[in-house]
Amino acid sequence: MSASKTGLTGDEVKAARAAFSLTADGMAAVVGLSDGAAWRKWERNGVKGPGAVLLSSLIDSPAVRRHFGLSVKAG
């Protein structure tokens, strides 16, 4: 997953949340959104800019995941 193309689709955002086995509220807290409703909006509409960069970094970088205390679900 890479945000270099201008952003992430809603499906990519949803897949990222599934990879971390978090609720919408949990992912919202990780990326600094106000609540799960804001995260679900990303899942519907996708995300561009800094949000896409952060989310891509969480998926792509073990160091970033460690910083945030996250791990990717196996399988």
PDB file of N, CA and C in Angstrom:
ATOM      1  N   MET A   1       0.866  -1.181   0.000  1.00  0.00           N
ATOM      2  CA  MET A   1       0.000   0.000   0.000  1.00  0.00           C
ATOM      3  C   MET A   1       0.898   1.225   0.000  1.00  0.00           C
ATOM      4  N   SER A   2       0.622   2.170  -0.879  1.00  0.00           N
ATOM      5  CA  SER A   2       1.456   3.366  -0.967  1.00  0.00           C
ATOM      6  C   SER A   2       0.596   4.586  -1.258  1.00  0.00           C
ATOM      7  N   ALA A   3       0.843   5.650  -0.497  1.00  0.00           N
ATOM      8  CA  ALA A   3       0.079   6.873  -0.689  1.00  0.00           C
ATOM      9  C   ALA A   3       0.666   7.747  -1.787  1.00  0.00           C
ATOM     10  N   SER A   4       1.744   7.292  -2.430  1.00  0.00           N
ATOM     11  CA  SER A   4       2.420   8.120  -3.415  1.00  0.00           C
ATOM     12  C   SER A   4       1.541   8.474  -4.604  1.00  0.00           C
ATOM     13  N   LYS A   5       0.491   7.724  -4.843  1.00  0.00           N
ATOM     14  CA  LYS A   5      -0.356   7.964  -6.011  1.00  0.00           C
ATOM     15  C   LYS A   5      -1.338   9.116  -5.796  1.00  0.00           C
ATOM     16  N   THR A   6      -1.424   9.729  -4.693  1.00  0.00           N
ATOM     17  CA  THR A   6      -2.284  10.859  -4.305  1.00  0.00           C
ATOM     18  C   THR A   6      -3.189  10.535  -3.141  1.00  0.00           C
ATOM     19  N   GLY A   7      -3.333   9.296  -2.788  1.00  0.00           N
ATOM     20  CA  GLY A   7      -4.180   8.960  -1.660  1.00  0.00           C
ATOM     21  C   GLY A   7      -4.494   7.489  -1.620  1.00  0.00           C
ATOM     22  N   LEU A   8      -5.405   7.141  -0.728  1.00  0.00           N
ATOM     23  CA  LEU A   8      -5.838   5.760  -0.565  1.00  0.00           C
ATOM     24  C   LEU A   8      -7.337   5.680  -0.801  1.00  0.00           C
ATOM     25  N   THR A   9      -7.766   4.606  -1.407  1.00  0.00           N
ATOM     26  CA  THR A   9      -9.196   4.394  -1.623  1.00  0.00           C
ATOM     27  C   THR A   9      -9.858   3.988  -0.308  1.00  0.00           C
ATOM     28  N   GLY A  10     -11.161   4.049  -0.283  1.00  0.00           N
ATOM     29  CA  GLY A  10     -11.900   3.594   0.885  1.00  0.00           C
ATOM     30  C   GLY A  10     -11.627   2.134   1.192  1.00  0.00           C
ATOM     31  N   ASP A  11     -11.524   1.306   0.154  1.00  0.00           N
ATOM     32  CA  ASP A  11     -11.232  -0.115   0.359  1.00  0.00           C
ATOM     33  C   ASP A  11      -9.854  -0.312   0.975  1.00  0.00           C
ATOM     34  N   GLU A  12      -8.876   0.496   0.568  1.00  0.00           N
ATOM     35  CA  GLU A  12      -7.535   0.401   1.157  1.00  0.00           C
ATOM     36  C   GLU A  12      -7.551   0.839   2.627  1.00  0.00           C
ATOM     37  N   VAL A  13      -8.331   1.860   2.929  1.00  0.00           N
ATOM     38  CA  VAL A  13      -8.455   2.325   4.312  1.00  0.00           C
ATOM     39  C   VAL A  13      -9.092   1.235   5.167  1.00  0.00           C
ATOM     40  N   LYS A  14     -10.139   0.622   4.652  1.00  0.00           N
ATOM     41  CA  LYS A  14     -10.828  -0.446   5.382  1.00  0.00           C
ATOM     42  C   LYS A  14      -9.890  -1.637   5.588  1.00  0.00           C
ATOM     43  N   ALA A  15      -9.107  -1.979   4.581  1.00  0.00           N
ATOM     44  CA  ALA A  15      -8.162  -3.093   4.695  1.00  0.00           C
ATOM     45  C   ALA A  15      -7.091  -2.799   5.752  1.00  0.00           C
ATOM     46  N   ALA A  16      -6.677  -1.553   5.849  1.00  0.00           N
ATOM     47  CA  ALA A  16      -5.685  -1.184   6.861  1.00  0.00           C
ATOM     48  C   ALA A  16      -6.245  -1.407   8.257  1.00  0.00           C
ATOM     49  N   ARG A  17      -7.472  -1.004   8.480  1.00  0.00           N
ATOM     50  CA  ARG A  17      -8.092  -1.210   9.798  1.00  0.00           C
ATOM     51  C   ARG A  17      -8.193  -2.699  10.103  1.00  0.00           C
ATOM     52  N   ALA A  18      -8.590  -3.483   9.119  1.00  0.00           N
ATOM     53  CA  ALA A  18      -8.694  -4.931   9.316  1.00  0.00           C
ATOM     54  C   ALA A  18      -7.335  -5.538   9.643  1.00  0.00           C
ATOM     55  N   ALA A  19      -6.275  -5.035   9.010  1.00  0.00           N
ATOM     56  CA  ALA A  19      -4.931  -5.555   9.252  1.00  0.00           C
ATOM     57  C   ALA A  19      -4.494  -5.355  10.699  1.00  0.00           C
ATOM     58  N   PHE A  20      -4.981  -4.299  11.327  1.00  0.00           N
ATOM     59  CA  PHE A  20      -4.622  -4.025  12.716  1.00  0.00           C
ATOM     60  C   PHE A  20      -5.654  -4.550  13.708  1.00  0.00           C
ATOM     61  N   SER A  21      -6.715  -5.143  13.217  1.00  0.00           N
ATOM     62  CA  SER A  21      -7.783  -5.691  14.076  1.00  0.00           C
ATOM     63  C   SER A  21      -8.300  -4.662  15.070  1.00  0.00           C
ATOM     64  N   LEU A  22      -8.529  -3.438  14.594  1.00  0.00           N
ATOM     65  CA  LEU A  22      -9.036  -2.366  15.452  1.00  0.00           C
ATOM     66  C   LEU A  22     -10.426  -1.943  15.005  1.00  0.00           C
ATOM     67  N   THR A  23     -11.167  -1.387  15.934  1.00  0.00           N
ATOM     68  CA  THR A  23     -12.457  -0.790  15.608  1.00  0.00           C
ATOM     69  C   THR A  23     -12.219   0.536  14.903  1.00  0.00           C
ATOM     70  N   ALA A  24     -13.270   1.104  14.362  1.00  0.00           N
ATOM     71  CA  ALA A  24     -13.161   2.432  13.742  1.00  0.00           C
ATOM     72  C   ALA A  24     -12.732   3.457  14.785  1.00  0.00           C
ATOM     73  N   ASP A  25     -13.260   3.362  16.005  1.00  0.00           N
ATOM     74  CA  ASP A  25     -12.844   4.277  17.070  1.00  0.00           C
ATOM     75  C   ASP A  25     -11.365   4.101  17.403  1.00  0.00           C
ATOM     76  N   GLY A  26     -10.903   2.851  17.419  1.00  0.00           N
ATOM     77  CA  GLY A  26      -9.501   2.579  17.713  1.00  0.00           C
ATOM     78  C   GLY A  26      -8.570   3.154  16.660  1.00  0.00           C
ATOM     79  N   MET A  27      -8.900   2.971  15.388  1.00  0.00           N
ATOM     80  CA  MET A  27      -8.062   3.524  14.325  1.00  0.00           C
ATOM     81  C   MET A  27      -8.120   5.043  14.326  1.00  0.00           C
ATOM     82  N   ALA A  28      -9.288   5.599  14.599  1.00  0.00           N
ATOM     83  CA  ALA A  28      -9.407   7.053  14.666  1.00  0.00           C
ATOM     84  C   ALA A  28      -8.465   7.610  15.722  1.00  0.00           C
ATOM     85  N   ALA A  29      -8.389   6.952  16.857  1.00  0.00           N
ATOM     86  CA  ALA A  29      -7.496   7.411  17.923  1.00  0.00           C
ATOM     87  C   ALA A  29      -6.035   7.341  17.497  1.00  0.00           C
ATOM     88  N   VAL A  30      -5.670   6.296  16.777  1.00  0.00           N
ATOM     89  CA  VAL A  30      -4.284   6.132  16.332  1.00  0.00           C
ATOM     90  C   VAL A  30      -3.867   7.269  15.396  1.00  0.00           C
ATOM     91  N   VAL A  31      -4.734   7.624  14.460  1.00  0.00           N
ATOM     92  CA  VAL A  31      -4.358   8.623  13.454  1.00  0.00           C
ATOM     93  C   VAL A  31      -4.787  10.042  13.812  1.00  0.00           C
ATOM     94  N   GLY A  32      -5.376  10.215  14.987  1.00  0.00           N
ATOM     95  CA  GLY A  32      -5.713  11.557  15.447  1.00  0.00           C
ATOM     96  C   GLY A  32      -7.036  12.116  14.954  1.00  0.00           C
ATOM     97  N   LEU A  33      -7.941  11.241  14.533  1.00  0.00           N
ATOM     98  CA  LEU A  33      -9.273  11.701  14.138  1.00  0.00           C
ATOM     99  C   LEU A  33     -10.156  11.821  15.376  1.00  0.00           C
ATOM    100  N   SER A  34     -11.214  12.583  15.262  1.00  0.00           N
ATOM    101  CA  SER A  34     -12.076  12.855  16.413  1.00  0.00           C
ATOM    102  C   SER A  34     -12.821  11.630  16.920  1.00  0.00           C
ATOM    103  N   ASP A  35     -13.236  10.733  16.013  1.00  0.00           N
ATOM    104  CA  ASP A  35     -13.997   9.555  16.437  1.00  0.00           C
ATOM    105  C   ASP A  35     -14.131   8.569  15.289  1.00  0.00           C
ATOM    106  N   GLY A  36     -14.796   7.451  15.586  1.00  0.00           N
ATOM    107  CA  GLY A  36     -14.985   6.414  14.583  1.00  0.00           C
ATOM    108  C   GLY A  36     -15.788   6.864  13.379  1.00  0.00           C
ATOM    109  N   ALA A  37     -16.681   7.829  13.568  1.00  0.00           N
ATOM    110  CA  ALA A  37     -17.464   8.331  12.432  1.00  0.00           C
ATOM    111  C   ALA A  37     -16.544   8.986  11.407  1.00  0.00           C
ATOM    112  N   ALA A  38     -15.554   9.701  11.874  1.00  0.00           N
ATOM    113  CA  ALA A  38     -14.587  10.330  10.965  1.00  0.00           C
ATOM    114  C   ALA A  38     -13.791   9.260  10.220  1.00  0.00           C
ATOM    115  N   TRP A  39     -13.392   8.189  10.935  1.00  0.00           N
ATOM    116  CA  TRP A  39     -12.676   7.089  10.287  1.00  0.00           C
ATOM    117  C   TRP A  39     -13.560   6.429   9.238  1.00  0.00           C
ATOM    118  N   ARG A  40     -14.823   6.168   9.570  1.00  0.00           N
ATOM    119  CA  ARG A  40     -15.730   5.526   8.614  1.00  0.00           C
ATOM    120  C   ARG A  40     -15.923   6.388   7.365  1.00  0.00           C
ATOM    121  N   LYS A  41     -15.846   7.696   7.503  1.00  0.00           N
ATOM    122  CA  LYS A  41     -15.906   8.580   6.335  1.00  0.00           C
ATOM    123  C   LYS A  41     -14.711   8.308   5.424  1.00  0.00           C
ATOM    124  N   TRP A  42     -13.529   8.103   6.026  1.00  0.00           N
ATOM    125  CA  TRP A  42     -12.355   7.729   5.227  1.00  0.00           C
ATOM    126  C   TRP A  42     -12.615   6.406   4.519  1.00  0.00           C
ATOM    127  N   GLU A  43     -13.259   5.458   5.211  1.00  0.00           N
ATOM    128  CA  GLU A  43     -13.531   4.153   4.594  1.00  0.00           C
ATOM    129  C   GLU A  43     -14.512   4.278   3.430  1.00  0.00           C
ATOM    130  N   ARG A  44     -15.404   5.231   3.484  1.00  0.00           N
ATOM    131  CA  ARG A  44     -16.354   5.450   2.379  1.00  0.00           C
ATOM    132  C   ARG A  44     -15.711   6.223   1.228  1.00  0.00           C
ATOM    133  N   ASN A  45     -14.965   7.273   1.576  1.00  0.00           N
ATOM    134  CA  ASN A  45     -14.509   8.225   0.562  1.00  0.00           C
ATOM    135  C   ASN A  45     -13.035   8.149   0.213  1.00  0.00           C
ATOM    136  N   GLY A  46     -12.263   7.408   0.982  1.00  0.00           N
ATOM    137  CA  GLY A  46     -10.818   7.402   0.802  1.00  0.00           C
ATOM    138  C   GLY A  46     -10.203   8.587   1.528  1.00  0.00           C
ATOM    139  N   VAL A  47      -8.888   8.678   1.440  1.00  0.00           N
ATOM    140  CA  VAL A  47      -8.167   9.759   2.125  1.00  0.00           C
ATOM    141  C   VAL A  47      -6.974  10.172   1.281  1.00  0.00           C
ATOM    142  N   LYS A  48      -6.675  11.468   1.313  1.00  0.00           N
ATOM    143  CA  LYS A  48      -5.525  12.028   0.608  1.00  0.00           C
ATOM    144  C   LYS A  48      -4.659  12.784   1.602  1.00  0.00           C
ATOM    145  N   GLY A  49      -3.536  13.238   1.152  1.00  0.00           N
ATOM    146  CA  GLY A  49      -2.681  14.103   1.955  1.00  0.00           C
ATOM    147  C   GLY A  49      -2.034  13.400   3.136  1.00  0.00           C
ATOM    148  N   PRO A  50      -1.850  14.148   4.230  1.00  0.00           N
ATOM    149  CA  PRO A  50      -1.137  13.602   5.392  1.00  0.00           C
ATOM    150  C   PRO A  50      -1.771  12.341   5.968  1.00  0.00           C
ATOM    151  N   GLY A  51      -3.080  12.245   5.940  1.00  0.00           N
ATOM    152  CA  GLY A  51      -3.736  11.039   6.443  1.00  0.00           C
ATOM    153  C   GLY A  51      -3.339   9.812   5.648  1.00  0.00           C
ATOM    154  N   ALA A  52      -3.260   9.947   4.344  1.00  0.00           N
ATOM    155  CA  ALA A  52      -2.857   8.831   3.487  1.00  0.00           C
ATOM    156  C   ALA A  52      -1.401   8.462   3.727  1.00  0.00           C
ATOM    157  N   VAL A  53      -0.566   9.459   3.909  1.00  0.00           N
ATOM    158  CA  VAL A  53       0.853   9.196   4.174  1.00  0.00           C
ATOM    159  C   VAL A  53       1.020   8.455   5.496  1.00  0.00           C
ATOM    160  N   LEU A  54       0.327   8.915   6.549  1.00  0.00           N
ATOM    161  CA  LEU A  54       0.422   8.260   7.846  1.00  0.00           C
ATOM    162  C   LEU A  54      -0.091   6.826   7.770  1.00  0.00           C
ATOM    163  N   LEU A  55      -1.232   6.635   7.173  1.00  0.00           N
ATOM    164  CA  LEU A  55      -1.807   5.297   7.094  1.00  0.00           C
ATOM    165  C   LEU A  55      -0.915   4.355   6.278  1.00  0.00           C
ATOM    166  N   SER A  56      -0.379   4.827   5.174  1.00  0.00           N
ATOM    167  CA  SER A  56       0.537   4.009   4.372  1.00  0.00           C
ATOM    168  C   SER A  56       1.787   3.666   5.173  1.00  0.00           C
ATOM    169  N   SER A  57       2.282   4.626   5.930  1.00  0.00           N
ATOM    170  CA  SER A  57       3.467   4.383   6.753  1.00  0.00           C
ATOM    171  C   SER A  57       3.194   3.333   7.822  1.00  0.00           C
ATOM    172  N   LEU A  58       2.005   3.363   8.404  1.00  0.00           N
ATOM    173  CA  LEU A  58       1.656   2.359   9.404  1.00  0.00           C
ATOM    174  C   LEU A  58       1.653   0.957   8.806  1.00  0.00           C
ATOM    175  N   ILE A  59       1.187   0.836   7.582  1.00  0.00           N
ATOM    176  CA  ILE A  59       1.146  -0.464   6.919  1.00  0.00           C
ATOM    177  C   ILE A  59       2.542  -0.891   6.460  1.00  0.00           C
ATOM    178  N   ASP A  60       3.301   0.020   5.890  1.00  0.00           N
ATOM    179  CA  ASP A  60       4.556  -0.325   5.235  1.00  0.00           C
ATOM    180  C   ASP A  60       5.763  -0.402   6.151  1.00  0.00           C
ATOM    181  N   SER A  61       5.755   0.278   7.283  1.00  0.00           N
ATOM    182  CA  SER A  61       6.971   0.417   8.079  1.00  0.00           C
ATOM    183  C   SER A  61       6.851  -0.214   9.471  1.00  0.00           C
ATOM    184  N   PRO A  62       7.641  -1.245   9.723  1.00  0.00           N
ATOM    185  CA  PRO A  62       7.662  -1.814  11.073  1.00  0.00           C
ATOM    186  C   PRO A  62       8.065  -0.783  12.135  1.00  0.00           C
ATOM    187  N   ALA A  63       8.960   0.112  11.804  1.00  0.00           N
ATOM    188  CA  ALA A  63       9.398   1.129  12.767  1.00  0.00           C
ATOM    189  C   ALA A  63       8.254   2.069  13.136  1.00  0.00           C
ATOM    190  N   VAL A  64       7.451   2.443  12.167  1.00  0.00           N
ATOM    191  CA  VAL A  64       6.305   3.321  12.444  1.00  0.00           C
ATOM    192  C   VAL A  64       5.280   2.569  13.284  1.00  0.00           C
ATOM    193  N   ARG A  65       5.038   1.305  12.946  1.00  0.00           N
ATOM    194  CA  ARG A  65       4.099   0.505  13.749  1.00  0.00           C
ATOM    195  C   ARG A  65       4.576   0.397  15.189  1.00  0.00           C
ATOM    196  N   ARG A  66       5.872   0.142  15.388  1.00  0.00           N
ATOM    197  CA  ARG A  66       6.404   0.071  16.754  1.00  0.00           C
ATOM    198  C   ARG A  66       6.192   1.381  17.491  1.00  0.00           C
ATOM    199  N   HIS A  67       6.406   2.490  16.809  1.00  0.00           N
ATOM    200  CA  HIS A  67       6.226   3.804  17.433  1.00  0.00           C
ATOM    201  C   HIS A  67       4.796   3.967  17.952  1.00  0.00           C
ATOM    202  N   PHE A  68       3.835   3.493  17.193  1.00  0.00           N
ATOM    203  CA  PHE A  68       2.430   3.616  17.567  1.00  0.00           C
ATOM    204  C   PHE A  68       1.927   2.417  18.383  1.00  0.00           C
ATOM    205  N   GLY A  69       2.795   1.436  18.631  1.00  0.00           N
ATOM    206  CA  GLY A  69       2.399   0.263  19.406  1.00  0.00           C
ATOM    207  C   GLY A  69       1.440  -0.653  18.687  1.00  0.00           C
ATOM    208  N   LEU A  70       1.584  -0.754  17.371  1.00  0.00           N
ATOM    209  CA  LEU A  70       0.682  -1.580  16.553  1.00  0.00           C
ATOM    210  C   LEU A  70       1.418  -2.770  15.959  1.00  0.00           C
ATOM    211  N   SER A  71       0.668  -3.788  15.633  1.00  0.00           N
ATOM    212  CA  SER A  71       1.202  -4.903  14.872  1.00  0.00           C
ATOM    213  C   SER A  71       0.165  -5.316  13.842  1.00  0.00           C
ATOM    214  N   VAL A  72       0.651  -5.895  12.764  1.00  0.00           N
ATOM    215  CA  VAL A  72      -0.236  -6.353  11.694  1.00  0.00           C
ATOM    216  C   VAL A  72      -0.720  -7.753  12.043  1.00  0.00           C
ATOM    217  N   LYS A  73      -2.006  -7.963  11.886  1.00  0.00           N
ATOM    218  CA  LYS A  73      -2.617  -9.263  12.142  1.00  0.00           C
ATOM    219  C   LYS A  73      -2.029 -10.300  11.185  1.00  0.00           C
ATOM    220  N   ALA A  74      -1.630 -11.439  11.710  1.00  0.00           N
ATOM    221  CA  ALA A  74      -1.087 -12.501  10.874  1.00  0.00           C
ATOM    222  C   ALA A  74      -2.189 -13.123  10.021  1.00  0.00           C
ATOM    223  N   GLY A  75      -1.782 -13.527   8.813  1.00  0.00           N
ATOM    224  CA  GLY A  75      -2.721 -14.247   7.959  1.00  0.00           C
ATOM    225  C   GLY A  75      -3.407 -13.343   7.074  1.00  0.00           C
TER     226      GLY A  75
END
